[in-house]
C-alpha atoms as a PDB file:
ATOM      1  CA  UNK A   1      33.115 -50.894 -95.917  1.00  0.00           C
ATOM      2  CA  UNK A   2      33.994 -53.075 -99.385  1.00  0.00           C
ATOM      3  CA  UNK A   3      33.023 -56.885 -99.522  1.00  0.00           C
ATOM      4  CA  UNK A   4      29.598 -57.689 -99.154  1.00  0.00           C
ATOM      5  CA  UNK A   5      28.224 -54.325 -97.922  1.00  0.00           C
ATOM      6  CA  UNK A   6      28.338 -53.525-101.672  1.00  0.00           C
ATOM      7  CA  UNK A   7      26.718 -55.766-103.467  1.00  0.00           C
ATOM      8  CA  UNK A   8      23.450 -56.024-104.355  1.00  0.00           C
ATOM      9  CA  UNK A   9      20.743 -57.760-103.406  1.00  0.00           C
ATOM     10  CA  UNK A  10      20.499 -59.508-106.195  1.00  0.00           C
ATOM     11  CA  UNK A  11      24.069 -60.567-106.168  1.00  0.00           C
ATOM     12  CA  UNK A  12      24.067 -61.044-101.918  1.00  0.00           C
ATOM     13  CA  UNK A  13      21.148 -63.851-102.846  1.00  0.00           C
ATOM     14  CA  UNK A  14      23.674 -65.197-105.506  1.00  0.00           C
ATOM     15  CA  UNK A  15      27.299 -65.657-102.609  1.00  0.00           C
ATOM     16  CA  UNK A  16      24.652 -67.459-100.334  1.00  0.00           C
ATOM     17  CA  UNK A  17      22.588 -69.352-102.630  1.00  0.00           C
ATOM     18  CA  UNK A  18      25.589 -72.380-103.030  1.00  0.00           C
ATOM     19  CA  UNK A  19      23.424 -74.213-105.763  1.00  0.00           C
ATOM     20  CA  UNK A  20      23.912 -71.931-107.753  1.00  0.00           C
ATOM     21  CA  UNK A  21      27.175 -72.578-108.192  1.00  0.00           C
ATOM     22  CA  UNK A  22      27.967 -75.824-108.419  1.00  0.00           C
ATOM     23  CA  UNK A  23      29.256 -76.642-112.627  1.00  0.00           C
ATOM     24  CA  UNK A  24      27.842 -80.958-111.994  1.00  0.00           C
ATOM     25  CA  UNK A  25      24.283 -79.677-112.238  1.00  0.00           C
ATOM     26  CA  UNK A  26      22.010 -77.148-112.333  1.00  0.00           C
ATOM     27  CA  UNK A  27      20.392 -75.385-109.403  1.00  0.00           C
ATOM     28  CA  UNK A  28      17.218 -77.172-108.767  1.00  0.00           C
ATOM     29  CA  UNK A  29      18.069 -80.832-109.296  1.00  0.00           C
ATOM     30  CA  UNK A  30      21.752 -80.834-106.894  1.00  0.00           C
ATOM     31  CA  UNK A  31      19.322 -80.182-104.115  1.00  0.00           C
ATOM     32  CA  UNK A  32      17.651 -83.320-105.273  1.00  0.00           C
ATOM     33  CA  UNK A  33      20.154 -85.526-105.294  1.00  0.00           C
ATOM     34  CA  UNK A  34      21.951 -83.716-102.211  1.00  0.00           C
ATOM     35  CA  UNK A  35      18.831 -85.119-101.080  1.00  0.00           C
ATOM     36  CA  UNK A  36      19.238 -88.354-101.972  1.00  0.00           C
ATOM     37  CA  UNK A  37      23.014 -89.065-101.740  1.00  0.00           C
ATOM     38  CA  UNK A  38      22.891 -88.237 -97.779  1.00  0.00           C
ATOM     39  CA  UNK A  39      19.209 -90.316 -97.079  1.00  0.00           C
ATOM     40  CA  UNK A  40      21.144 -92.983 -99.098  1.00  0.00           C
ATOM     41  CA  UNK A  41      24.347 -92.524 -96.600  1.00  0.00           C
ATOM     42  CA  UNK A  42      21.868 -92.680 -93.874  1.00  0.00           C
ATOM     43  CA  UNK A  43      20.580 -95.760 -94.731  1.00  0.00           C
ATOM     44  CA  UNK A  44      23.860 -97.013 -95.492  1.00  0.00           C
ATOM     45  CA  UNK A  45      25.360 -96.098 -92.156  1.00  0.00           C
ATOM     46  CA  UNK A  46      22.483 -97.160 -89.828  1.00  0.00           C
ATOM     47  CA  UNK A  47      22.397-101.060 -91.641  1.00  0.00           C
ATOM     48  CA  UNK A  48      26.030-101.499 -90.330  1.00  0.00           C
ATOM     49  CA  UNK A  49      26.764-100.195 -87.226  1.00  0.00           C
ATOM     50  CA  UNK A  50      25.398-100.583 -83.482  1.00  0.00           C
ATOM     51  CA  UNK A  51      22.509 -97.422 -83.058  1.00  0.00           C
ATOM     52  CA  UNK A  52      20.922 -95.636 -80.456  1.00  0.00           C
ATOM     53  CA  UNK A  53      17.954 -93.849 -82.268  1.00  0.00           C
ATOM     54  CA  UNK A  54      15.804 -90.436 -81.499  1.00  0.00           C
ATOM     55  CA  UNK A  55      17.753 -90.921 -77.403  1.00  0.00           C
ATOM     56  CA  UNK A  56      16.194 -87.525 -76.062  1.00  0.00           C
ATOM     57  CA  UNK A  57      18.371 -85.074 -74.616  1.00  0.00           C
ATOM     58  CA  UNK A  58      16.631 -81.964 -74.065  1.00  0.00           C
ATOM     59  CA  UNK A  59      12.353 -81.670 -73.095  1.00  0.00           C
ATOM     60  CA  UNK A  60      11.898 -80.019 -76.748  1.00  0.00           C
ATOM     61  CA  UNK A  61      10.641 -82.077 -79.618  1.00  0.00           C
ATOM     62  CA  UNK A  62      13.489 -81.206 -81.665  1.00  0.00           C
ATOM     63  CA  UNK A  63      16.332 -82.541 -79.241  1.00  0.00           C
ATOM     64  CA  UNK A  64      17.415 -86.395 -79.984  1.00  0.00           C
ATOM     65  CA  UNK A  65      19.858 -87.371 -80.921  1.00  0.00           C
ATOM     66  CA  UNK A  66      20.666 -90.431 -83.504  1.00  0.00           C
ATOM     67  CA  UNK A  67      24.173 -91.968 -81.774  1.00  0.00           C
ATOM     68  CA  UNK A  68      25.999 -94.048 -83.716  1.00  0.00           C
ATOM     69  CA  UNK A  69      28.550 -96.712 -81.525  1.00  0.00           C
ATOM     70  CA  UNK A  70      31.442 -97.654 -82.934  1.00  0.00           C
ATOM     71  CA  UNK A  71      32.045-101.188 -84.071  1.00  0.00           C
ATOM     72  CA  UNK A  72      34.438-101.767 -82.538  1.00  0.00           C
ATOM     73  CA  UNK A  73      33.188-101.136 -78.739  1.00  0.00           C
ATOM     74  CA  UNK A  74      14.510 -70.500 -76.370  1.00  0.00           C
ATOM     75  CA  UNK A  75      15.334 -67.560 -78.020  1.00  0.00           C
ATOM     76  CA  UNK A  76      15.196 -66.486 -81.920  1.00  0.00           C
ATOM     77  CA  UNK A  77      15.780 -70.333 -84.380  1.00  0.00           C
ATOM     78  CA  UNK A  78      19.675 -69.545 -84.122  1.00  0.00           C
ATOM     79  CA  UNK A  79      19.309 -69.013 -80.197  1.00  0.00           C
ATOM     80  CA  UNK A  80      17.816 -72.107 -80.017  1.00  0.00           C
ATOM     81  CA  UNK A  81      20.323 -74.020 -82.250  1.00  0.00           C
ATOM     82  CA  UNK A  82      23.355 -73.258 -81.596  1.00  0.00           C
ATOM     83  CA  UNK A  83      21.855 -74.401 -77.585  1.00  0.00           C
ATOM     84  CA  UNK A  84      20.662 -77.738 -78.906  1.00  0.00           C
ATOM     85  CA  UNK A  85      23.797 -78.811 -80.619  1.00  0.00           C
ATOM     86  CA  UNK A  86      25.415 -77.397 -76.740  1.00  0.00           C
ATOM     87  CA  UNK A  87      23.014 -79.546 -74.916  1.00  0.00           C
ATOM     88  CA  UNK A  88      23.772 -82.932 -76.726  1.00  0.00           C
ATOM     89  CA  UNK A  89      27.481 -82.736 -76.422  1.00  0.00           C
ATOM     90  CA  UNK A  90      26.921 -82.381 -72.817  1.00  0.00           C
ATOM     91  CA  UNK A  91      24.390 -84.711 -72.801  1.00  0.00           C
ATOM     92  CA  UNK A  92      27.246 -87.609 -74.553  1.00  0.00           C
ATOM     93  CA  UNK A  93      29.622 -86.157 -71.870  1.00  0.00           C
ATOM     94  CA  UNK A  94      27.086 -87.155 -68.845  1.00  0.00           C
ATOM     95  CA  UNK A  95      25.610 -90.326 -70.122  1.00  0.00           C
ATOM     96  CA  UNK A  96      29.176 -91.263 -71.380  1.00  0.00           C
ATOM     97  CA  UNK A  97      31.565 -90.506 -69.220  1.00  0.00           C
ATOM     98  CA  UNK A  98      34.465 -93.209 -70.492  1.00  0.00           C
ATOM     99  CA  UNK A  99      33.670 -91.272 -73.893  1.00  0.00           C
ATOM    100  CA  UNK A 100      37.937 -90.961 -75.593  1.00  0.00           C
ATOM    101  CA  UNK A 101      36.422 -87.971 -77.600  1.00  0.00           C
ATOM    102  CA  UNK A 102      34.025 -86.458 -79.448  1.00  0.00           C
ATOM    103  CA  UNK A 103      34.702 -85.021 -82.638  1.00  0.00           C
ATOM    104  CA  UNK A 104      32.266 -82.435 -84.521  1.00  0.00           C
ATOM    105  CA  UNK A 105      31.988 -82.308 -88.223  1.00  0.00           C
ATOM    106  CA  UNK A 106      29.433 -79.712 -90.238  1.00  0.00           C
ATOM    107  CA  UNK A 107      28.316 -79.265 -92.912  1.00  0.00           C
ATOM    108  CA  UNK A 108      27.169 -75.157 -94.016  1.00  0.00           C
ATOM    109  CA  UNK A 109      24.635 -74.696 -91.456  1.00  0.00           C
ATOM    110  CA  UNK A 110      26.260 -77.202 -89.477  1.00  0.00           C
ATOM    111  CA  UNK A 111      29.670 -76.316 -90.063  1.00  0.00           C
ATOM    112  CA  UNK A 112      28.408 -72.907 -88.440  1.00  0.00           C
ATOM    113  CA  UNK A 113      26.889 -74.339 -85.845  1.00  0.00           C
ATOM    114  CA  UNK A 114      29.557 -76.407 -84.928  1.00  0.00           C
ATOM    115  CA  UNK A 115      32.198 -73.614 -84.842  1.00  0.00           C
ATOM    116  CA  UNK A 116      29.608 -72.007 -82.310  1.00  0.00           C
ATOM    117  CA  UNK A 117      30.352 -74.529 -80.314  1.00  0.00           C
ATOM    118  CA  UNK A 118      33.589 -74.297 -79.932  1.00  0.00           C
ATOM    119  CA  UNK A 119      33.180 -70.955 -77.369  1.00  0.00           C
ATOM    120  CA  UNK A 120      31.018 -72.736 -75.278  1.00  0.00           C
ATOM    121  CA  UNK A 121      31.098 -72.195 -71.356  1.00  0.00           C
ATOM    122  CA  UNK A 122      30.793 -75.778 -70.074  1.00  0.00           C
ATOM    123  CA  UNK A 123      30.085 -74.736 -66.839  1.00  0.00           C
ATOM    124  CA  UNK A 124      26.965 -73.205 -67.658  1.00  0.00           C
ATOM    125  CA  UNK A 125      25.815 -77.206 -68.420  1.00  0.00           C
ATOM    126  CA  UNK A 126      27.767 -78.202 -65.043  1.00  0.00           C
ATOM    127  CA  UNK A 127      30.141 -79.910 -67.354  1.00  0.00           C
ATOM    128  CA  UNK A 128      33.639 -79.579 -66.886  1.00  0.00           C
ATOM    129  CA  UNK A 129      35.824 -81.162 -70.029  1.00  0.00           C
ATOM    130  CA  UNK A 130      39.185 -82.775 -68.839  1.00  0.00           C
ATOM    131  CA  UNK A 131      41.878 -80.613 -70.339  1.00  0.00           C
ATOM    132  CA  UNK A 132      43.294 -84.148 -71.528  1.00  0.00           C
ATOM    133  CA  UNK A 133      40.256 -84.946 -73.397  1.00  0.00           C
ATOM    134  CA  UNK A 134      38.969 -81.244 -74.160  1.00  0.00           C
ATOM    135  CA  UNK A 135      35.366 -81.205 -75.366  1.00  0.00           C
ATOM    136  CA  UNK A 136      34.818 -81.046 -78.673  1.00  0.00           C
ATOM    137  CA  UNK A 137      38.730 -83.279 -79.028  1.00  0.00           C
ATOM    138  CA  UNK A 138      38.855 -81.683 -82.795  1.00  0.00           C
ATOM    139  CA  UNK A 139      36.847 -80.190 -84.888  1.00  0.00           C
ATOM    140  CA  UNK A 140      36.160 -79.705 -88.667  1.00  0.00           C
ATOM    141  CA  UNK A 141      34.227 -77.700 -90.396  1.00  0.00           C
ATOM    142  CA  UNK A 142      33.393 -77.670 -94.044  1.00  0.00           C
ATOM    143  CA  UNK A 143      32.107 -75.509 -95.991  1.00  0.00           C
ATOM    144  CA  UNK A 144      30.346 -72.989 -93.415  1.00  0.00           C
ATOM    145  CA  UNK A 145      29.410 -69.259 -92.422  1.00  0.00           C
ATOM    146  CA  UNK A 146      31.064 -67.960 -89.389  1.00  0.00           C
ATOM    147  CA  UNK A 147      29.863 -64.327 -89.674  1.00  0.00           C
ATOM    148  CA  UNK A 148      25.961 -63.807 -90.285  1.00  0.00           C
ATOM    149  CA  UNK A 149      25.183 -60.610 -90.180  1.00  0.00           C
ATOM    150  CA  UNK A 150      25.618 -60.854 -94.686  1.00  0.00           C
ATOM    151  CA  UNK A 151      22.434 -63.050 -94.397  1.00  0.00           C
ATOM    152  CA  UNK A 152      20.746 -61.127 -92.862  1.00  0.00           C
ATOM    153  CA  UNK A 153      20.033 -59.586 -95.684  1.00  0.00           C
ATOM    154  CA  UNK A 154      18.918 -63.041 -98.559  1.00  0.00           C
ATOM    155  CA  UNK A 155      16.272 -65.920 -98.462  1.00  0.00           C
ATOM    156  CA  UNK A 156      17.949 -67.216 -95.868  1.00  0.00           C
ATOM    157  CA  UNK A 157      16.639 -64.980 -93.126  1.00  0.00           C
ATOM    158  CA  UNK A 158      13.267 -65.394 -94.198  1.00  0.00           C
ATOM    159  CA  UNK A 159      13.076 -68.723 -92.177  1.00  0.00           C
ATOM    160  CA  UNK A 160      15.235 -67.765 -89.660  1.00  0.00           C
ATOM    161  CA  UNK A 161      13.857 -63.946 -88.396  1.00  0.00           C
ATOM    162  CA  UNK A 162      16.959 -63.159 -87.145  1.00  0.00           C
ATOM    163  CA  UNK A 163      17.966 -59.691 -85.766  1.00  0.00           C
ATOM    164  CA  UNK A 164      21.078 -57.985 -86.070  1.00  0.00           C
ATOM    165  CA  UNK A 165      21.666 -58.735 -82.792  1.00  0.00           C
ATOM    166  CA  UNK A 166      20.469 -62.353 -82.786  1.00  0.00           C
ATOM    167  CA  UNK A 167      23.416 -62.505 -85.651  1.00  0.00           C
ATOM    168  CA  UNK A 168      26.369 -60.921 -84.499  1.00  0.00           C
ATOM    169  CA  UNK A 169      25.117 -62.950 -81.112  1.00  0.00           C
ATOM    170  CA  UNK A 170      25.783 -66.373 -83.084  1.00  0.00           C
ATOM    171  CA  UNK A 171      28.351 -65.606 -85.384  1.00  0.00           C
ATOM    172  CA  UNK A 172      31.668 -67.036 -84.562  1.00  0.00           C
ATOM    173  CA  UNK A 173      33.894 -64.334 -86.252  1.00  0.00           C
ATOM    174  CA  UNK A 174      32.778 -62.770 -83.436  1.00  0.00           C
ATOM    175  CA  UNK A 175      33.686 -64.781 -80.897  1.00  0.00           C
ATOM    176  CA  UNK A 176      37.026 -65.797 -81.478  1.00  0.00           C
ATOM    177  CA  UNK A 177      38.648 -66.624 -78.385  1.00  0.00           C
ATOM    178  CA  UNK A 178      42.644 -66.395 -76.866  1.00  0.00           C
ATOM    179  CA  UNK A 179      42.966 -70.872 -77.347  1.00  0.00           C
ATOM    180  CA  UNK A 180      43.955 -72.490 -74.164  1.00  0.00           C
ATOM    181  CA  UNK A 181      45.962 -75.592 -73.126  1.00  0.00           C
ATOM    182  CA  UNK A 182      43.404 -77.578 -73.733  1.00  0.00           C
ATOM    183  CA  UNK A 183      41.353 -76.141 -77.335  1.00  0.00           C
ATOM    184  CA  UNK A 184      40.922 -78.678 -79.470  1.00  0.00           C
ATOM    185  CA  UNK A 185      42.216 -78.733 -82.853  1.00  0.00           C
ATOM    186  CA  UNK A 186      40.231 -77.395 -85.390  1.00  0.00           C
ATOM    187  CA  UNK A 187      40.413 -78.283 -89.747  1.00  0.00           C
ATOM    188  CA  UNK A 188      38.102 -76.238 -91.299  1.00  0.00           C
ATOM    189  CA  UNK A 189      37.539 -76.751 -95.325  1.00  0.00           C
ATOM    190  CA  UNK A 190      36.354 -75.151 -98.529  1.00  0.00           C
ATOM    191  CA  UNK A 191      35.474 -76.615-101.509  1.00  0.00           C
ATOM    192  CA  UNK A 192      36.798 -75.314-104.895  1.00  0.00           C
ATOM    193  CA  UNK A 193      33.149 -74.525-106.276  1.00  0.00           C
ATOM    194  CA  UNK A 194      32.001 -72.937-103.627  1.00  0.00           C
ATOM    195  CA  UNK A 195      31.280 -69.407-104.039  1.00  0.00           C
ATOM    196  CA  UNK A 196      33.546 -66.601-103.466  1.00  0.00           C
ATOM    197  CA  UNK A 197      31.722 -65.508-100.036  1.00  0.00           C
ATOM    198  CA  UNK A 198      31.519 -68.479 -98.687  1.00  0.00           C
ATOM    199  CA  UNK A 199      36.002 -69.129 -99.437  1.00  0.00           C
ATOM    200  CA  UNK A 200      36.330 -65.859 -98.106  1.00  0.00           C
ATOM    201  CA  UNK A 201      34.503 -66.867 -94.567  1.00  0.00           C
ATOM    202  CA  UNK A 202      36.653 -69.400 -94.305  1.00  0.00           C
ATOM    203  CA  UNK A 203      39.831 -67.966 -95.138  1.00  0.00           C
ATOM    204  CA  UNK A 204      39.171 -65.067 -93.050  1.00  0.00           C
ATOM    205  CA  UNK A 205      37.540 -67.194 -90.368  1.00  0.00           C
ATOM    206  CA  UNK A 206      40.644 -69.664 -89.799  1.00  0.00           C
ATOM    207  CA  UNK A 207      42.850 -66.839 -90.180  1.00  0.00           C
ATOM    208  CA  UNK A 208      41.222 -65.723 -87.130  1.00  0.00           C
ATOM    209  CA  UNK A 209      41.638 -69.097 -85.191  1.00  0.00           C
ATOM    210  CA  UNK A 210      45.779 -69.007 -86.200  1.00  0.00           C
ATOM    211  CA  UNK A 211      45.638 -65.502 -84.884  1.00  0.00           C
ATOM    212  CA  UNK A 212      44.171 -65.881 -81.994  1.00  0.00           C
ATOM    213  CA  UNK A 213      46.977 -69.398 -81.299  1.00  0.00           C
ATOM    214  CA  UNK A 214      43.954 -72.417 -82.174  1.00  0.00           C
ATOM    215  CA  UNK A 215      45.820 -75.143 -83.486  1.00  0.00           C
ATOM    216  CA  UNK A 216      44.302 -74.652 -87.315  1.00  0.00           C
ATOM    217  CA  UNK A 217      44.815 -75.749 -91.427  1.00  0.00           C
ATOM    218  CA  UNK A 218      42.561 -74.537 -94.152  1.00  0.00           C
ATOM    219  CA  UNK A 219      42.079 -77.555 -96.471  1.00  0.00           C
ATOM    220  CA  UNK A 220      40.806 -76.324 -99.925  1.00  0.00           C
ATOM    221  CA  UNK A 221      39.552 -79.048-101.720  1.00  0.00           C
ATOM    222  CA  UNK A 222      40.045 -78.657-105.488  1.00  0.00           C
ATOM    223  CA  UNK A 223      36.991 -79.794-108.048  1.00  0.00           C
ATOM    224  CA  UNK A 224      33.795 -80.282-105.538  1.00  0.00           C
ATOM    225  CA  UNK A 225      31.098 -78.397-105.111  1.00  0.00           C
ATOM    226  CA  UNK A 226      29.524 -76.905-101.121  1.00  0.00           C
ATOM    227  CA  UNK A 227      27.406 -80.351-101.848  1.00  0.00           C
ATOM    228  CA  UNK A 228      29.906 -83.070-102.786  1.00  0.00           C
ATOM    229  CA  UNK A 229      32.676 -81.913-100.576  1.00  0.00           C
ATOM    230  CA  UNK A 230      30.517 -83.939 -97.855  1.00  0.00           C
ATOM    231  CA  UNK A 231      28.971 -85.903-100.308  1.00  0.00           C
ATOM    232  CA  UNK A 232      32.043 -87.878-101.003  1.00  0.00           C
ATOM    233  CA  UNK A 233      32.949 -88.601 -97.218  1.00  0.00           C
ATOM    234  CA  UNK A 234      31.567 -92.164 -97.770  1.00  0.00           C
ATOM    235  CA  UNK A 235      34.812 -92.474 -99.833  1.00  0.00           C
ATOM    236  CA  UNK A 236      37.886 -94.190 -98.362  1.00  0.00           C
ATOM    237  CA  UNK A 237      40.201 -92.625-100.832  1.00  0.00           C
ATOM    238  CA  UNK A 238      38.690 -89.851-100.317  1.00  0.00           C
ATOM    239  CA  UNK A 239      40.984 -86.456 -98.873  1.00  0.00           C
ATOM    240  CA  UNK A 240      38.529 -85.540 -96.665  1.00  0.00           C
ATOM    241  CA  UNK A 241      38.372 -88.708 -95.517  1.00  0.00           C
ATOM    242  CA  UNK A 242      41.917 -89.529 -95.003  1.00  0.00           C
ATOM    243  CA  UNK A 243      42.754 -86.394 -92.848  1.00  0.00           C
ATOM    244  CA  UNK A 244      39.691 -86.613 -90.195  1.00  0.00           C
ATOM    245  CA  UNK A 245      40.689 -90.052 -89.939  1.00  0.00           C
ATOM    246  CA  UNK A 246      44.621 -89.508 -89.146  1.00  0.00           C
ATOM    247  CA  UNK A 247      43.008 -86.022 -86.471  1.00  0.00           C
ATOM    248  CA  UNK A 248      40.953 -88.804 -85.331  1.00  0.00           C
ATOM    249  CA  UNK A 249      44.354 -91.774 -84.893  1.00  0.00           C
ATOM    250  CA  UNK A 250      46.612 -88.822 -83.474  1.00  0.00           C
ATOM    251  CA  UNK A 251      44.281 -87.998 -79.952  1.00  0.00           C
END
């Protein structure tokens, strides 16, 4: 067996608590700092772009999108979150048929949700993606978890309340399928100061995608932790910013 299964409960909690691994700030301070940075970034983005906020794409109170336009112009909680992301993309395709591409970028739990989208049967949502414009057109998965089974045994599952069946059903690692002609490019990103378990999951997931024929790259970013790995996207000189813009420009 080995790996996470041999860890004590305390060690496993540590592995899936990103705030305990940053060399910059203590575990309580870094969460507050991260929330402040992301809130400020949202305000700047809304001030500098044309937006449509809180656009409903379903009937649920939480099924709303914030859409940022370019300047140039029901089951478990986990099942519900995955379904909401899939519905939101289907909504975008239906409402904006002239769209040239949809690129997903998810961080931490968001990376997990973005990875789940890669294996969506879009016909269930009455959407048939154009082979020339795959849905999504590209995916950037930053410091994510792709096998949910280990977190069943941590505080993370206190809110999610997942069973083993639900965790397996929503683990991207368990749903890697052979790449099809319309498969998008995938960038898996991990931070130097992510925990060893986060780093392992990113490495193993990228390897699984590559073995299945996907166009995938693993970017291991030095001198960043689980939080500033995504916070720095507001900086034009940040390597991840440049890599993402390059991905989009090649389409």
